[in-house]
Amino acid sequence: MHSVIEAEMIAALDEVYDLFGEAATYDADPVTVISRYRASDSQGDPSVVAPEIEIRVRRSEVARPVPGDAVTMDGVDYVVSDEPDGSPMEWTISMVEDVS
């Protein structure tokens, strides 16, 4: 059971996702994410540019993201590229477009 403060924080986070979230799938399961595009990563080779996107997703929707997991947003397939960063209530996940 959540404390009163935890319940209020969860409710506030849910409001943020209701306002700014977008539908996606994470390993084929429906989730709501908040996304932002980041500067492209040359991955050490300036002639290769891999567009990156970063998403935030609630821990209540994705238990433990790992590199290689599949995410689809707006009909575009992405793959988790790095270990996620986390807070007690949500994950921040870096992804690149799946070109395979």
PDB file of N, CA and C in Angstrom:
ATOM      1  N   MET A   1       0.845  -1.181   0.000  1.00  0.00           N
ATOM      2  CA  MET A   1       0.000   0.000   0.000  1.00  0.00           C
ATOM      3  C   MET A   1       0.887   1.240   0.000  1.00  0.00           C
ATOM      4  N   HIS A   2       0.460   2.252  -0.738  1.00  0.00           N
ATOM      5  CA  HIS A   2       1.225   3.484  -0.863  1.00  0.00           C
ATOM      6  C   HIS A   2       0.876   4.447   0.267  1.00  0.00           C
ATOM      7  N   SER A   3       1.884   5.223   0.671  1.00  0.00           N
ATOM      8  CA  SER A   3       1.614   6.288   1.630  1.00  0.00           C
ATOM      9  C   SER A   3       0.818   7.383   0.930  1.00  0.00           C
ATOM     10  N   VAL A   4       0.308   8.311   1.688  1.00  0.00           N
ATOM     11  CA  VAL A   4      -0.470   9.413   1.122  1.00  0.00           C
ATOM     12  C   VAL A   4       0.397  10.218   0.152  1.00  0.00           C
ATOM     13  N   ILE A   5       1.644  10.479   0.531  1.00  0.00           N
ATOM     14  CA  ILE A   5       2.544  11.252  -0.333  1.00  0.00           C
ATOM     15  C   ILE A   5       2.832  10.488  -1.622  1.00  0.00           C
ATOM     16  N   GLU A   6       3.107   9.183  -1.506  1.00  0.00           N
ATOM     17  CA  GLU A   6       3.354   8.380  -2.706  1.00  0.00           C
ATOM     18  C   GLU A   6       2.136   8.372  -3.614  1.00  0.00           C
ATOM     19  N   ALA A   7       0.964   8.251  -3.050  1.00  0.00           N
ATOM     20  CA  ALA A   7      -0.265   8.251  -3.848  1.00  0.00           C
ATOM     21  C   ALA A   7      -0.446   9.576  -4.568  1.00  0.00           C
ATOM     22  N   GLU A   8      -0.121  10.686  -3.902  1.00  0.00           N
ATOM     23  CA  GLU A   8      -0.233  11.999  -4.533  1.00  0.00           C
ATOM     24  C   GLU A   8       0.791  12.158  -5.653  1.00  0.00           C
ATOM     25  N   MET A   9       2.008  11.639  -5.445  1.00  0.00           N
ATOM     26  CA  MET A   9       3.035  11.713  -6.488  1.00  0.00           C
ATOM     27  C   MET A   9       2.642  10.877  -7.698  1.00  0.00           C
ATOM     28  N   ILE A  10       2.092   9.709  -7.463  1.00  0.00           N
ATOM     29  CA  ILE A  10       1.636   8.856  -8.570  1.00  0.00           C
ATOM     30  C   ILE A  10       0.514   9.541  -9.332  1.00  0.00           C
ATOM     31  N   ALA A  11      -0.429  10.142  -8.609  1.00  0.00           N
ATOM     32  CA  ALA A  11      -1.533  10.845  -9.265  1.00  0.00           C
ATOM     33  C   ALA A  11      -1.020  12.015 -10.101  1.00  0.00           C
ATOM     34  N   ALA A  12      -0.038  12.758  -9.578  1.00  0.00           N
ATOM     35  CA  ALA A  12       0.527  13.881 -10.328  1.00  0.00           C
ATOM     36  C   ALA A  12       1.244  13.389 -11.582  1.00  0.00           C
ATOM     37  N   LEU A  13       2.008  12.296 -11.460  1.00  0.00           N
ATOM     38  CA  LEU A  13       2.697  11.738 -12.633  1.00  0.00           C
ATOM     39  C   LEU A  13       1.687  11.255 -13.670  1.00  0.00           C
ATOM     40  N   ASP A  14       0.617  10.626 -13.217  1.00  0.00           N
ATOM     41  CA  ASP A  14      -0.426  10.177 -14.144  1.00  0.00           C
ATOM     42  C   ASP A  14      -1.026  11.355 -14.904  1.00  0.00           C
ATOM     43  N   GLU A  15      -1.197  12.497 -14.237  1.00  0.00           N
ATOM     44  CA  GLU A  15      -1.719  13.686 -14.917  1.00  0.00           C
ATOM     45  C   GLU A  15      -0.758  14.160 -16.001  1.00  0.00           C
ATOM     46  N   VAL A  16       0.534  14.118 -15.720  1.00  0.00           N
ATOM     47  CA  VAL A  16       1.536  14.520 -16.716  1.00  0.00           C
ATOM     48  C   VAL A  16       1.444  13.598 -17.936  1.00  0.00           C
ATOM     49  N   TYR A  17       1.343  12.289 -17.707  1.00  0.00           N
ATOM     50  CA  TYR A  17       1.241  11.345 -18.819  1.00  0.00           C
ATOM     51  C   TYR A  17      -0.086  11.514 -19.571  1.00  0.00           C
ATOM     52  N   ASP A  18      -1.157  11.860 -18.854  1.00  0.00           N
ATOM     53  CA  ASP A  18      -2.435  12.120 -19.524  1.00  0.00           C
ATOM     54  C   ASP A  18      -2.335  13.332 -20.448  1.00  0.00           C
ATOM     55  N   LEU A  19      -1.588  14.350 -20.027  1.00  0.00           N
ATOM     56  CA  LEU A  19      -1.460  15.575 -20.826  1.00  0.00           C
ATOM     57  C   LEU A  19      -0.457  15.446 -21.970  1.00  0.00           C
ATOM     58  N   PHE A  20       0.690  14.846 -21.705  1.00  0.00           N
ATOM     59  CA  PHE A  20       1.789  14.861 -22.662  1.00  0.00           C
ATOM     60  C   PHE A  20       2.138  13.498 -23.245  1.00  0.00           C
ATOM     61  N   GLY A  21       1.532  12.460 -22.744  1.00  0.00           N
ATOM     62  CA  GLY A  21       1.879  11.116 -23.187  1.00  0.00           C
ATOM     63  C   GLY A  21       1.358  10.792 -24.576  1.00  0.00           C
ATOM     64  N   GLU A  22       2.008   9.809 -25.180  1.00  0.00           N
ATOM     65  CA  GLU A  22       1.569   9.310 -26.481  1.00  0.00           C
ATOM     66  C   GLU A  22       1.568   7.783 -26.445  1.00  0.00           C
ATOM     67  N   ALA A  23       0.685   7.211 -27.220  1.00  0.00           N
ATOM     68  CA  ALA A  23       0.555   5.755 -27.260  1.00  0.00           C
ATOM     69  C   ALA A  23       1.758   5.132 -27.941  1.00  0.00           C
ATOM     70  N   ALA A  24       2.197   4.016 -27.406  1.00  0.00           N
ATOM     71  CA  ALA A  24       3.310   3.263 -27.976  1.00  0.00           C
ATOM     72  C   ALA A  24       3.128   1.799 -27.578  1.00  0.00           C
ATOM     73  N   THR A  25       3.995   0.956 -28.106  1.00  0.00           N
ATOM     74  CA  THR A  25       4.063  -0.419 -27.623  1.00  0.00           C
ATOM     75  C   THR A  25       5.482  -0.691 -27.171  1.00  0.00           C
ATOM     76  N   TYR A  26       5.597  -1.456 -26.093  1.00  0.00           N
ATOM     77  CA  TYR A  26       6.898  -1.861 -25.571  1.00  0.00           C
ATOM     78  C   TYR A  26       6.895  -3.372 -25.563  1.00  0.00           C
ATOM     79  N   ASP A  27       7.727  -3.968 -26.407  1.00  0.00           N
ATOM     80  CA  ASP A  27       7.712  -5.423 -26.606  1.00  0.00           C
ATOM     81  C   ASP A  27       6.278  -5.917 -26.818  1.00  0.00           C
ATOM     82  N   ALA A  28       5.542  -5.192 -27.667  1.00  0.00           N
ATOM     83  CA  ALA A  28       4.182  -5.495 -28.120  1.00  0.00           C
ATOM     84  C   ALA A  28       3.097  -5.202 -27.081  1.00  0.00           C
ATOM     85  N   ASP A  29       3.453  -4.730 -25.883  1.00  0.00           N
ATOM     86  CA  ASP A  29       2.453  -4.365 -24.874  1.00  0.00           C
ATOM     87  C   ASP A  29       2.165  -2.871 -24.970  1.00  0.00           C
ATOM     88  N   PRO A  30       0.894  -2.469 -24.912  1.00  0.00           N
ATOM     89  CA  PRO A  30       0.574  -1.043 -24.999  1.00  0.00           C
ATOM     90  C   PRO A  30       1.070  -0.287 -23.761  1.00  0.00           C
ATOM     91  N   VAL A  31       1.679   0.865 -24.002  1.00  0.00           N
ATOM     92  CA  VAL A  31       2.172   1.749 -22.940  1.00  0.00           C
ATOM     93  C   VAL A  31       1.938   3.192 -23.358  1.00  0.00           C
ATOM     94  N   THR A  32       2.073   4.090 -22.402  1.00  0.00           N
ATOM     95  CA  THR A  32       2.054   5.524 -22.681  1.00  0.00           C
ATOM     96  C   THR A  32       3.445   6.054 -22.382  1.00  0.00           C
ATOM     97  N   VAL A  33       4.010   6.811 -23.316  1.00  0.00           N
ATOM     98  CA  VAL A  33       5.366   7.343 -23.159  1.00  0.00           C
ATOM     99  C   VAL A  33       5.364   8.845 -23.363  1.00  0.00           C
ATOM    100  N   ILE A  34       6.389   9.480 -22.841  1.00  0.00           N
ATOM    101  CA  ILE A  34       6.672  10.877 -23.146  1.00  0.00           C
ATOM    102  C   ILE A  34       8.003  10.858 -23.871  1.00  0.00           C
ATOM    103  N   SER A  35       8.043  11.443 -25.063  1.00  0.00           N
ATOM    104  CA  SER A  35       9.254  11.336 -25.887  1.00  0.00           C
ATOM    105  C   SER A  35       9.878  12.690 -26.156  1.00  0.00           C
ATOM    106  N   ARG A  36      11.180  12.630 -26.461  1.00  0.00           N
ATOM    107  CA  ARG A  36      11.893  13.808 -26.951  1.00  0.00           C
ATOM    108  C   ARG A  36      13.045  13.312 -27.809  1.00  0.00           C
ATOM    109  N   TYR A  37      13.288  14.041 -28.880  1.00  0.00           N
ATOM    110  CA  TYR A  37      14.390  13.695 -29.765  1.00  0.00           C
ATOM    111  C   TYR A  37      15.672  14.293 -29.219  1.00  0.00           C
ATOM    112  N   ARG A  38      16.760  13.566 -29.385  1.00  0.00           N
ATOM    113  CA  ARG A  38      18.068  14.031 -28.931  1.00  0.00           C
ATOM    114  C   ARG A  38      18.957  14.241 -30.137  1.00  0.00           C
ATOM    115  N   ALA A  39      20.078  14.878 -29.877  1.00  0.00           N
ATOM    116  CA  ALA A  39      21.061  15.052 -30.944  1.00  0.00           C
ATOM    117  C   ALA A  39      21.469  13.680 -31.462  1.00  0.00           C
ATOM    118  N   SER A  40      21.732  13.604 -32.728  1.00  0.00           N
ATOM    119  CA  SER A  40      22.136  12.335 -33.333  1.00  0.00           C
ATOM    120  C   SER A  40      23.490  11.895 -32.811  1.00  0.00           C
ATOM    121  N   ASP A  41      23.676  10.598 -32.793  1.00  0.00           N
ATOM    122  CA  ASP A  41      24.913  10.003 -32.298  1.00  0.00           C
ATOM    123  C   ASP A  41      25.675   9.420 -33.473  1.00  0.00           C
ATOM    124  N   SER A  42      26.924   9.831 -33.620  1.00  0.00           N
ATOM    125  CA  SER A  42      27.729   9.323 -34.733  1.00  0.00           C
ATOM    126  C   SER A  42      28.304   7.953 -34.418  1.00  0.00           C
ATOM    127  N   GLN A  43      28.165   7.483 -33.188  1.00  0.00           N
ATOM    128  CA  GLN A  43      28.674   6.190 -32.748  1.00  0.00           C
ATOM    129  C   GLN A  43      30.147   6.025 -33.118  1.00  0.00           C
ATOM    130  N   GLY A  44      30.925   7.132 -32.975  1.00  0.00           N
ATOM    131  CA  GLY A  44      32.351   7.080 -33.219  1.00  0.00           C
ATOM    132  C   GLY A  44      32.771   7.289 -34.659  1.00  0.00           C
ATOM    133  N   ASP A  45      31.843   7.261 -35.591  1.00  0.00           N
ATOM    134  CA  ASP A  45      32.156   7.430 -37.013  1.00  0.00           C
ATOM    135  C   ASP A  45      31.347   8.617 -37.521  1.00  0.00           C
ATOM    136  N   PRO A  46      31.987   9.741 -37.843  1.00  0.00           N
ATOM    137  CA  PRO A  46      31.240  10.921 -38.260  1.00  0.00           C
ATOM    138  C   PRO A  46      30.437  10.743 -39.540  1.00  0.00           C
ATOM    139  N   SER A  47      30.700   9.702 -40.316  1.00  0.00           N
ATOM    140  CA  SER A  47      29.938   9.483 -41.541  1.00  0.00           C
ATOM    141  C   SER A  47      28.653   8.692 -41.273  1.00  0.00           C
ATOM    142  N   VAL A  48      28.508   8.152 -40.059  1.00  0.00           N
ATOM    143  CA  VAL A  48      27.320   7.379 -39.689  1.00  0.00           C
ATOM    144  C   VAL A  48      26.559   8.159 -38.629  1.00  0.00           C
ATOM    145  N   VAL A  49      25.321   8.482 -38.936  1.00  0.00           N
ATOM    146  CA  VAL A  49      24.500   9.216 -37.982  1.00  0.00           C
ATOM    147  C   VAL A  49      23.274   8.380 -37.660  1.00  0.00           C
ATOM    148  N   ALA A  50      23.121   8.054 -36.390  1.00  0.00           N
ATOM    149  CA  ALA A  50      21.976   7.266 -35.941  1.00  0.00           C
ATOM    150  C   ALA A  50      21.047   8.177 -35.143  1.00  0.00           C
ATOM    151  N   PRO A  51      19.867   8.492 -35.677  1.00  0.00           N
ATOM    152  CA  PRO A  51      18.953   9.354 -34.930  1.00  0.00           C
ATOM    153  C   PRO A  51      18.541   8.678 -33.628  1.00  0.00           C
ATOM    154  N   GLU A  52      18.520   9.452 -32.555  1.00  0.00           N
ATOM    155  CA  GLU A  52      18.151   8.926 -31.253  1.00  0.00           C
ATOM    156  C   GLU A  52      16.895   9.601 -30.748  1.00  0.00           C
ATOM    157  N   ILE A  53      16.163   8.878 -29.947  1.00  0.00           N
ATOM    158  CA  ILE A  53      15.001   9.411 -29.262  1.00  0.00           C
ATOM    159  C   ILE A  53      15.073   8.906 -27.832  1.00  0.00           C
ATOM    160  N   GLU A  54      14.593   9.718 -26.940  1.00  0.00           N
ATOM    161  CA  GLU A  54      14.571   9.338 -25.536  1.00  0.00           C
ATOM    162  C   GLU A  54      13.118   9.338 -25.088  1.00  0.00           C
ATOM    163  N   ILE A  55      12.733   8.307 -24.366  1.00  0.00           N
ATOM    164  CA  ILE A  55      11.372   8.254 -23.839  1.00  0.00           C
ATOM    165  C   ILE A  55      11.410   8.108 -22.331  1.00  0.00           C
ATOM    166  N   ARG A  56      10.335   8.534 -21.729  1.00  0.00           N
ATOM    167  CA  ARG A  56      10.086   8.251 -20.321  1.00  0.00           C
ATOM    168  C   ARG A  56       8.847   7.368 -20.273  1.00  0.00           C
ATOM    169  N   VAL A  57       8.895   6.359 -19.435  1.00  0.00           N
ATOM    170  CA  VAL A  57       7.763   5.448 -19.276  1.00  0.00           C
ATOM    171  C   VAL A  57       7.654   5.082 -17.795  1.00  0.00           C
ATOM    172  N   ARG A  58       6.427   4.945 -17.331  1.00  0.00           N
ATOM    173  CA  ARG A  58       6.214   4.627 -15.921  1.00  0.00           C
ATOM    174  C   ARG A  58       6.665   3.199 -15.601  1.00  0.00           C
ATOM    175  N   ARG A  59       7.270   3.030 -14.444  1.00  0.00           N
ATOM    176  CA  ARG A  59       7.685   1.700 -13.989  1.00  0.00           C
ATOM    177  C   ARG A  59       6.489   0.763 -13.845  1.00  0.00           C
ATOM    178  N   SER A  60       5.328   1.318 -13.602  1.00  0.00           N
ATOM    179  CA  SER A  60       4.137   0.476 -13.487  1.00  0.00           C
ATOM    180  C   SER A  60       3.756  -0.156 -14.826  1.00  0.00           C
ATOM    181  N   GLU A  61       4.295   0.379 -15.934  1.00  0.00           N
ATOM    182  CA  GLU A  61       4.001  -0.163 -17.261  1.00  0.00           C
ATOM    183  C   GLU A  61       5.126  -1.035 -17.816  1.00  0.00           C
ATOM    184  N   VAL A  62       6.380  -0.748 -17.440  1.00  0.00           N
ATOM    185  CA  VAL A  62       7.529  -1.530 -17.914  1.00  0.00           C
ATOM    186  C   VAL A  62       8.377  -1.869 -16.690  1.00  0.00           C
ATOM    187  N   ALA A  63       8.452  -3.143 -16.362  1.00  0.00           N
ATOM    188  CA  ALA A  63       9.147  -3.571 -15.149  1.00  0.00           C
ATOM    189  C   ALA A  63      10.648  -3.325 -15.205  1.00  0.00           C
ATOM    190  N   ARG A  64      11.314  -3.764 -16.275  1.00  0.00           N
ATOM    191  CA  ARG A  64      12.771  -3.621 -16.367  1.00  0.00           C
ATOM    192  C   ARG A  64      13.204  -3.580 -17.820  1.00  0.00           C
ATOM    193  N   PRO A  65      13.388  -2.377 -18.379  1.00  0.00           N
ATOM    194  CA  PRO A  65      13.850  -2.282 -19.766  1.00  0.00           C
ATOM    195  C   PRO A  65      15.311  -2.735 -19.888  1.00  0.00           C
ATOM    196  N   VAL A  66      15.615  -3.352 -21.025  1.00  0.00           N
ATOM    197  CA  VAL A  66      16.998  -3.759 -21.304  1.00  0.00           C
ATOM    198  C   VAL A  66      17.330  -3.425 -22.753  1.00  0.00           C
ATOM    199  N   PRO A  67      18.622  -3.180 -23.037  1.00  0.00           N
ATOM    200  CA  PRO A  67      19.012  -2.925 -24.427  1.00  0.00           C
ATOM    201  C   PRO A  67      18.545  -4.064 -25.335  1.00  0.00           C
ATOM    202  N   GLY A  68      18.024  -3.672 -26.499  1.00  0.00           N
ATOM    203  CA  GLY A  68      17.515  -4.644 -27.456  1.00  0.00           C
ATOM    204  C   GLY A  68      16.005  -4.774 -27.434  1.00  0.00           C
ATOM    205  N   ASP A  69      15.347  -4.288 -26.375  1.00  0.00           N
ATOM    206  CA  ASP A  69      13.885  -4.324 -26.337  1.00  0.00           C
ATOM    207  C   ASP A  69      13.315  -3.489 -27.478  1.00  0.00           C
ATOM    208  N   ALA A  70      12.126  -3.854 -27.934  1.00  0.00           N
ATOM    209  CA  ALA A  70      11.488  -3.195 -29.072  1.00  0.00           C
ATOM    210  C   ALA A  70      10.415  -2.214 -28.615  1.00  0.00           C
ATOM    211  N   VAL A  71      10.419  -1.023 -29.217  1.00  0.00           N
ATOM    212  CA  VAL A  71       9.415   0.005 -28.949  1.00  0.00           C
ATOM    213  C   VAL A  71       8.891   0.488 -30.297  1.00  0.00           C
ATOM    214  N   THR A  72       7.580   0.647 -30.418  1.00  0.00           N
ATOM    215  CA  THR A  72       6.981   1.196 -31.634  1.00  0.00           C
ATOM    216  C   THR A  72       6.172   2.430 -31.259  1.00  0.00           C
ATOM    217  N   MET A  73       6.456   3.534 -31.969  1.00  0.00           N
ATOM    218  CA  MET A  73       5.728   4.785 -31.788  1.00  0.00           C
ATOM    219  C   MET A  73       5.410   5.354 -33.156  1.00  0.00           C
ATOM    220  N   ASP A  74       4.176   5.778 -33.354  1.00  0.00           N
ATOM    221  CA  ASP A  74       3.763   6.388 -34.623  1.00  0.00           C
ATOM    222  C   ASP A  74       4.135   5.524 -35.822  1.00  0.00           C
ATOM    223  N   GLY A  75       4.059   4.200 -35.665  1.00  0.00           N
ATOM    224  CA  GLY A  75       4.361   3.291 -36.760  1.00  0.00           C
ATOM    225  C   GLY A  75       5.841   3.093 -37.035  1.00  0.00           C
ATOM    226  N   VAL A  76       6.711   3.676 -36.207  1.00  0.00           N
ATOM    227  CA  VAL A  76       8.160   3.541 -36.385  1.00  0.00           C
ATOM    228  C   VAL A  76       8.686   2.608 -35.300  1.00  0.00           C
ATOM    229  N   ASP A  77       9.523   1.652 -35.708  1.00  0.00           N
ATOM    230  CA  ASP A  77      10.111   0.699 -34.773  1.00  0.00           C
ATOM    231  C   ASP A  77      11.447   1.225 -34.265  1.00  0.00           C
ATOM    232  N   TYR A  78      11.650   1.115 -32.960  1.00  0.00           N
ATOM    233  CA  TYR A  78      12.888   1.519 -32.304  1.00  0.00           C
ATOM    234  C   TYR A  78      13.409   0.350 -31.487  1.00  0.00           C
ATOM    235  N   VAL A  79      14.675   0.446 -31.115  1.00  0.00           N
ATOM    236  CA  VAL A  79      15.284  -0.542 -30.237  1.00  0.00           C
ATOM    237  C   VAL A  79      15.970   0.213 -29.098  1.00  0.00           C
ATOM    238  N   VAL A  80      15.817  -0.303 -27.879  1.00  0.00           N
ATOM    239  CA  VAL A  80      16.471   0.302 -26.724  1.00  0.00           C
ATOM    240  C   VAL A  80      17.978   0.158 -26.916  1.00  0.00           C
ATOM    241  N   SER A  81      18.712   1.291 -26.816  1.00  0.00           N
ATOM    242  CA  SER A  81      20.126   1.280 -27.155  1.00  0.00           C
ATOM    243  C   SER A  81      21.064   1.240 -25.949  1.00  0.00           C
ATOM    244  N   ASP A  82      20.611   1.652 -24.795  1.00  0.00           N
ATOM    245  CA  ASP A  82      21.465   1.723 -23.615  1.00  0.00           C
ATOM    246  C   ASP A  82      20.696   1.232 -22.390  1.00  0.00           C
ATOM    247  N   GLU A  83      21.447   1.013 -21.314  1.00  0.00           N
ATOM    248  CA  GLU A  83      20.795   0.717 -20.040  1.00  0.00           C
ATOM    249  C   GLU A  83      19.953   1.931 -19.652  1.00  0.00           C
ATOM    250  N   PRO A  84      18.761   1.718 -19.131  1.00  0.00           N
ATOM    251  CA  PRO A  84      17.912   2.854 -18.774  1.00  0.00           C
ATOM    252  C   PRO A  84      18.372   3.544 -17.499  1.00  0.00           C
ATOM    253  N   ASP A  85      18.010   4.812 -17.388  1.00  0.00           N
ATOM    254  CA  ASP A  85      18.153   5.529 -16.123  1.00  0.00           C
ATOM    255  C   ASP A  85      16.798   5.429 -15.443  1.00  0.00           C
ATOM    256  N   GLY A  86      16.785   5.502 -14.144  1.00  0.00           N
ATOM    257  CA  GLY A  86      15.500   5.371 -13.494  1.00  0.00           C
ATOM    258  C   GLY A  86      15.339   6.265 -12.292  1.00  0.00           C
ATOM    259  N   SER A  87      14.101   6.541 -12.009  1.00  0.00           N
ATOM    260  CA  SER A  87      13.703   7.186 -10.773  1.00  0.00           C
ATOM    261  C   SER A  87      12.753   6.192 -10.106  1.00  0.00           C
ATOM    262  N   PRO A  88      12.315   6.466  -8.921  1.00  0.00           N
ATOM    263  CA  PRO A  88      11.414   5.498  -8.277  1.00  0.00           C
ATOM    264  C   PRO A  88      10.108   5.243  -9.033  1.00  0.00           C
ATOM    265  N   MET A  89       9.698   6.181  -9.912  1.00  0.00           N
ATOM    266  CA  MET A  89       8.401   6.009 -10.561  1.00  0.00           C
ATOM    267  C   MET A  89       8.460   5.849 -12.076  1.00  0.00           C
ATOM    268  N   GLU A  90       9.589   6.161 -12.704  1.00  0.00           N
ATOM    269  CA  GLU A  90       9.644   6.040 -14.156  1.00  0.00           C
ATOM    270  C   GLU A  90      11.061   5.772 -14.639  1.00  0.00           C
ATOM    271  N   TRP A  91      11.127   5.270 -15.867  1.00  0.00           N
ATOM    272  CA  TRP A  91      12.387   5.005 -16.558  1.00  0.00           C
ATOM    273  C   TRP A  91      12.625   6.072 -17.608  1.00  0.00           C
ATOM    274  N   THR A  92      13.892   6.411 -17.861  1.00  0.00           N
ATOM    275  CA  THR A  92      14.293   7.211 -19.010  1.00  0.00           C
ATOM    276  C   THR A  92      15.104   6.283 -19.897  1.00  0.00           C
ATOM    277  N   ILE A  93      14.642   6.118 -21.142  1.00  0.00           N
ATOM    278  CA  ILE A  93      15.189   5.103 -22.037  1.00  0.00           C
ATOM    279  C   ILE A  93      15.652   5.742 -23.336  1.00  0.00           C
ATOM    280  N   SER A  94      16.899   5.453 -23.734  1.00  0.00           N
ATOM    281  CA  SER A  94      17.424   5.920 -25.024  1.00  0.00           C
ATOM    282  C   SER A  94      17.181   4.835 -26.066  1.00  0.00           C
ATOM    283  N   MET A  95      16.794   5.284 -27.271  1.00  0.00           N
ATOM    284  CA  MET A  95      16.487   4.342 -28.351  1.00  0.00           C
ATOM    285  C   MET A  95      17.035   4.868 -29.661  1.00  0.00           C
ATOM    286  N   VAL A  96      17.218   3.953 -30.604  1.00  0.00           N
ATOM    287  CA  VAL A  96      17.539   4.310 -31.980  1.00  0.00           C
ATOM    288  C   VAL A  96      16.534   3.604 -32.875  1.00  0.00           C
ATOM    289  N   GLU A  97      16.336   4.160 -34.066  1.00  0.00           N
ATOM    290  CA  GLU A  97      15.419   3.536 -35.009  1.00  0.00           C
ATOM    291  C   GLU A  97      15.952   2.175 -35.413  1.00  0.00           C
ATOM    292  N   ASP A  98      15.059   1.205 -35.460  1.00  0.00           N
ATOM    293  CA  ASP A  98      15.418  -0.172 -35.849  1.00  0.00           C
ATOM    294  C   ASP A  98      15.462  -0.224 -37.372  1.00  0.00           C
ATOM    295  N   VAL A  99      16.659  -0.355 -37.919  1.00  0.00           N
ATOM    296  CA  VAL A  99      16.829  -0.384 -39.370  1.00  0.00           C
ATOM    297  C   VAL A  99      17.091  -1.792 -39.895  1.00  0.00           C
ATOM    298  N   SER A 100      16.885  -2.790 -39.040  1.00  0.00           N
ATOM    299  CA  SER A 100      17.136  -4.179 -39.473  1.00  0.00           C
ATOM    300  C   SER A 100      16.023  -4.695 -40.355  1.00  0.00           C
TER     301      SER A 100
END
